Amino acid sequence: MRLHVKFDGKDPSKTEILDAESGDRIEGIHSVEISIDAFKGYAVLVLQDFSLEVENIEAETALETYDQVIGTRDS
């Protein structure tokens, strides 16, 4: 599923997350953080009251990222 974030640039409470193909509104999203640099773009969705069924997904946990950056966890 591809998502479309619709934001008017003025009022964050009017932001909508839509299914890019169908245009249907996606419910249960608490917040979205978007980060774009010169090479890539990332979106972090914070969900509430959700059920999730996925196939072929790549994920990274916060703990793994912390270890890669700080390198403090014992192996």
N, C-alpha and C. Protein backbone atom coordinates (compact mmCIF):
# COMPACT_ATOMS: atom_id res chain seq x y z
N MET A 1 0.85 -1.18 0.00
CA MET A 1 0.00 0.00 0.00
C MET A 1 0.89 1.24 0.00
N ARG A 2 0.57 2.13 -0.86
CA ARG A 2 1.24 3.43 -0.88
C ARG A 2 0.31 4.43 -0.21
N LEU A 3 0.89 5.31 0.59
CA LEU A 3 0.10 6.30 1.31
C LEU A 3 0.32 7.69 0.74
N HIS A 4 -0.69 8.50 0.86
CA HIS A 4 -0.63 9.90 0.45
C HIS A 4 -0.91 10.75 1.68
N VAL A 5 0.02 11.62 2.05
CA VAL A 5 -0.16 12.53 3.19
C VAL A 5 -0.63 13.86 2.63
N LYS A 6 -1.82 14.26 3.02
CA LYS A 6 -2.43 15.50 2.54
C LYS A 6 -2.41 16.53 3.66
N PHE A 7 -1.59 17.57 3.50
CA PHE A 7 -1.43 18.62 4.52
C PHE A 7 -1.48 19.96 3.82
N ASP A 8 -2.27 20.88 4.34
CA ASP A 8 -2.42 22.19 3.68
C ASP A 8 -1.31 23.17 4.04
N GLY A 9 -0.40 22.79 4.94
CA GLY A 9 0.71 23.66 5.31
C GLY A 9 0.35 24.69 6.37
N LYS A 10 -0.89 24.66 6.83
CA LYS A 10 -1.34 25.66 7.79
C LYS A 10 -1.88 25.04 9.07
N ASP A 11 -2.82 24.10 8.93
CA ASP A 11 -3.51 23.54 10.09
C ASP A 11 -3.25 22.03 10.19
N PRO A 12 -2.34 21.61 11.10
CA PRO A 12 -2.02 20.19 11.24
C PRO A 12 -3.23 19.32 11.57
N SER A 13 -4.25 19.86 12.20
CA SER A 13 -5.43 19.06 12.56
C SER A 13 -6.24 18.64 11.33
N LYS A 14 -5.99 19.27 10.20
CA LYS A 14 -6.70 18.92 8.97
C LYS A 14 -5.91 17.96 8.09
N THR A 15 -4.77 17.49 8.57
CA THR A 15 -3.96 16.53 7.80
C THR A 15 -4.71 15.23 7.63
N GLU A 16 -4.64 14.66 6.43
CA GLU A 16 -5.28 13.39 6.13
C GLU A 16 -4.24 12.42 5.58
N ILE A 17 -4.39 11.14 5.91
CA ILE A 17 -3.58 10.08 5.35
C ILE A 17 -4.52 9.25 4.48
N LEU A 18 -4.18 9.13 3.20
CA LEU A 18 -5.05 8.45 2.25
C LEU A 18 -4.32 7.28 1.60
N ASP A 19 -5.10 6.25 1.22
CA ASP A 19 -4.58 5.18 0.37
C ASP A 19 -4.36 5.83 -1.00
N ALA A 20 -3.11 5.81 -1.49
CA ALA A 20 -2.79 6.51 -2.73
C ALA A 20 -3.55 5.96 -3.94
N GLU A 21 -3.86 4.67 -3.93
CA GLU A 21 -4.55 4.08 -5.08
C GLU A 21 -6.06 4.33 -5.07
N SER A 22 -6.69 4.13 -3.91
CA SER A 22 -8.16 4.24 -3.84
C SER A 22 -8.64 5.62 -3.40
N GLY A 23 -7.77 6.36 -2.71
CA GLY A 23 -8.18 7.66 -2.18
C GLY A 23 -8.92 7.55 -0.86
N ASP A 24 -9.09 6.33 -0.34
CA ASP A 24 -9.79 6.13 0.94
C ASP A 24 -8.95 6.67 2.09
N ARG A 25 -9.63 7.28 3.05
CA ARG A 25 -8.96 7.82 4.23
C ARG A 25 -8.54 6.68 5.16
N ILE A 26 -7.32 6.74 5.69
CA ILE A 26 -6.81 5.75 6.63
C ILE A 26 -7.04 6.29 8.03
N GLU A 27 -7.75 5.52 8.83
CA GLU A 27 -8.10 5.94 10.20
C GLU A 27 -7.10 5.35 11.20
N GLY A 28 -7.07 5.89 12.41
CA GLY A 28 -6.28 5.35 13.51
C GLY A 28 -4.84 5.79 13.53
N ILE A 29 -4.48 6.80 12.76
CA ILE A 29 -3.11 7.31 12.78
C ILE A 29 -3.05 8.46 13.76
N HIS A 30 -2.21 8.30 14.76
CA HIS A 30 -2.07 9.31 15.81
C HIS A 30 -1.23 10.49 15.32
N SER A 31 -0.10 10.18 14.67
CA SER A 31 0.76 11.24 14.17
C SER A 31 1.67 10.70 13.06
N VAL A 32 2.25 11.63 12.30
CA VAL A 32 3.17 11.31 11.22
C VAL A 32 4.37 12.22 11.33
N GLU A 33 5.56 11.63 11.21
CA GLU A 33 6.79 12.42 11.17
C GLU A 33 7.46 12.12 9.84
N ILE A 34 7.75 13.14 9.06
CA ILE A 34 8.39 12.97 7.75
C ILE A 34 9.76 13.61 7.79
N SER A 35 10.75 12.86 7.33
CA SER A 35 12.13 13.33 7.29
C SER A 35 12.67 13.13 5.88
N ILE A 36 13.17 14.19 5.27
CA ILE A 36 13.70 14.12 3.91
C ILE A 36 15.08 14.75 3.90
N ASP A 37 16.05 13.99 3.35
CA ASP A 37 17.39 14.56 3.19
C ASP A 37 17.73 14.53 1.69
N ALA A 38 18.99 14.74 1.35
CA ALA A 38 19.39 14.80 -0.05
C ALA A 38 19.27 13.46 -0.77
N PHE A 39 19.23 12.36 -0.03
CA PHE A 39 19.28 11.04 -0.65
C PHE A 39 18.01 10.20 -0.49
N LYS A 40 17.28 10.36 0.61
CA LYS A 40 16.13 9.52 0.90
C LYS A 40 15.06 10.31 1.65
N GLY A 41 13.88 9.72 1.69
CA GLY A 41 12.80 10.25 2.50
C GLY A 41 12.22 9.15 3.35
N TYR A 42 11.83 9.47 4.58
CA TYR A 42 11.27 8.51 5.51
C TYR A 42 9.99 9.09 6.11
N ALA A 43 9.05 8.21 6.40
CA ALA A 43 7.85 8.61 7.11
C ALA A 43 7.65 7.64 8.27
N VAL A 44 7.41 8.19 9.45
CA VAL A 44 7.14 7.40 10.63
C VAL A 44 5.68 7.63 11.00
N LEU A 45 4.91 6.53 11.06
CA LEU A 45 3.51 6.62 11.43
C LEU A 45 3.33 6.08 12.83
N VAL A 46 2.67 6.82 13.70
CA VAL A 46 2.33 6.36 15.03
C VAL A 46 0.85 6.00 14.99
N LEU A 47 0.57 4.71 15.19
CA LEU A 47 -0.80 4.20 15.07
C LEU A 47 -1.43 3.97 16.42
N GLN A 48 -2.75 4.01 16.46
CA GLN A 48 -3.50 3.66 17.66
C GLN A 48 -4.66 2.77 17.24
N ASP A 49 -5.00 1.81 18.10
CA ASP A 49 -6.13 0.91 17.83
C ASP A 49 -6.05 0.28 16.43
N PHE A 50 -5.02 -0.56 16.21
CA PHE A 50 -4.83 -1.12 14.90
C PHE A 50 -4.63 -2.64 14.92
N SER A 51 -4.89 -3.23 13.78
CA SER A 51 -4.61 -4.64 13.53
C SER A 51 -3.70 -4.67 12.32
N LEU A 52 -2.68 -5.53 12.33
CA LEU A 52 -1.68 -5.49 11.27
C LEU A 52 -1.42 -6.89 10.73
N GLU A 53 -1.52 -7.03 9.44
CA GLU A 53 -1.17 -8.27 8.75
C GLU A 53 -0.31 -7.87 7.56
N VAL A 54 0.95 -8.33 7.52
CA VAL A 54 1.88 -7.91 6.48
C VAL A 54 2.63 -9.10 5.89
N GLU A 55 3.11 -8.91 4.68
CA GLU A 55 3.99 -9.86 4.03
C GLU A 55 5.14 -9.08 3.41
N ASN A 56 6.31 -9.68 3.38
CA ASN A 56 7.47 -9.08 2.72
C ASN A 56 7.74 -7.65 3.18
N ILE A 57 7.88 -7.47 4.48
CA ILE A 57 8.14 -6.14 5.04
C ILE A 57 9.55 -6.10 5.60
N GLU A 58 10.18 -4.96 5.45
CA GLU A 58 11.49 -4.74 6.05
C GLU A 58 11.28 -3.77 7.21
N ALA A 59 11.92 -4.06 8.34
CA ALA A 59 11.73 -3.22 9.51
C ALA A 59 13.03 -3.08 10.27
N GLU A 60 13.11 -2.05 11.04
CA GLU A 60 14.26 -1.80 11.89
C GLU A 60 13.74 -1.36 13.24
N THR A 61 14.21 -2.00 14.29
CA THR A 61 13.74 -1.61 15.62
C THR A 61 14.58 -0.47 16.17
N ALA A 62 14.01 0.26 17.10
CA ALA A 62 14.74 1.37 17.71
C ALA A 62 15.98 0.87 18.45
N LEU A 63 15.90 -0.30 19.07
CA LEU A 63 17.04 -0.83 19.81
C LEU A 63 18.20 -1.14 18.87
N GLU A 64 17.93 -1.74 17.71
CA GLU A 64 18.98 -2.02 16.74
C GLU A 64 19.63 -0.73 16.26
N THR A 65 18.83 0.27 16.00
CA THR A 65 19.37 1.56 15.55
C THR A 65 20.24 2.17 16.64
N TYR A 66 19.77 2.13 17.88
CA TYR A 66 20.54 2.67 19.00
C TYR A 66 21.89 1.97 19.10
N ASP A 67 21.90 0.65 19.00
CA ASP A 67 23.16 -0.10 19.08
C ASP A 67 24.11 0.27 17.94
N GLN A 68 23.59 0.47 16.76
CA GLN A 68 24.45 0.82 15.64
C GLN A 68 25.07 2.20 15.83
N VAL A 69 24.33 3.11 16.40
CA VAL A 69 24.82 4.48 16.58
C VAL A 69 25.73 4.58 17.81
N ILE A 70 25.29 4.02 18.93
CA ILE A 70 26.00 4.17 20.19
C ILE A 70 26.96 3.02 20.45
N GLY A 71 26.55 1.80 20.10
CA GLY A 71 27.39 0.63 20.29
C GLY A 71 27.65 0.27 21.74
N THR A 72 26.61 0.38 22.58
CA THR A 72 26.80 0.17 24.02
C THR A 72 26.21 -1.14 24.53
N ARG A 73 25.37 -1.80 23.76
CA ARG A 73 24.71 -3.01 24.25
C ARG A 73 25.69 -4.18 24.21
N ASP A 74 25.69 -5.02 25.27
CA ASP A 74 26.54 -6.20 25.31
C ASP A 74 25.96 -7.26 24.38
N SER A 75 26.84 -8.00 23.69
CA SER A 75 26.39 -9.07 22.78
C SER A 75 26.20 -10.35 23.52
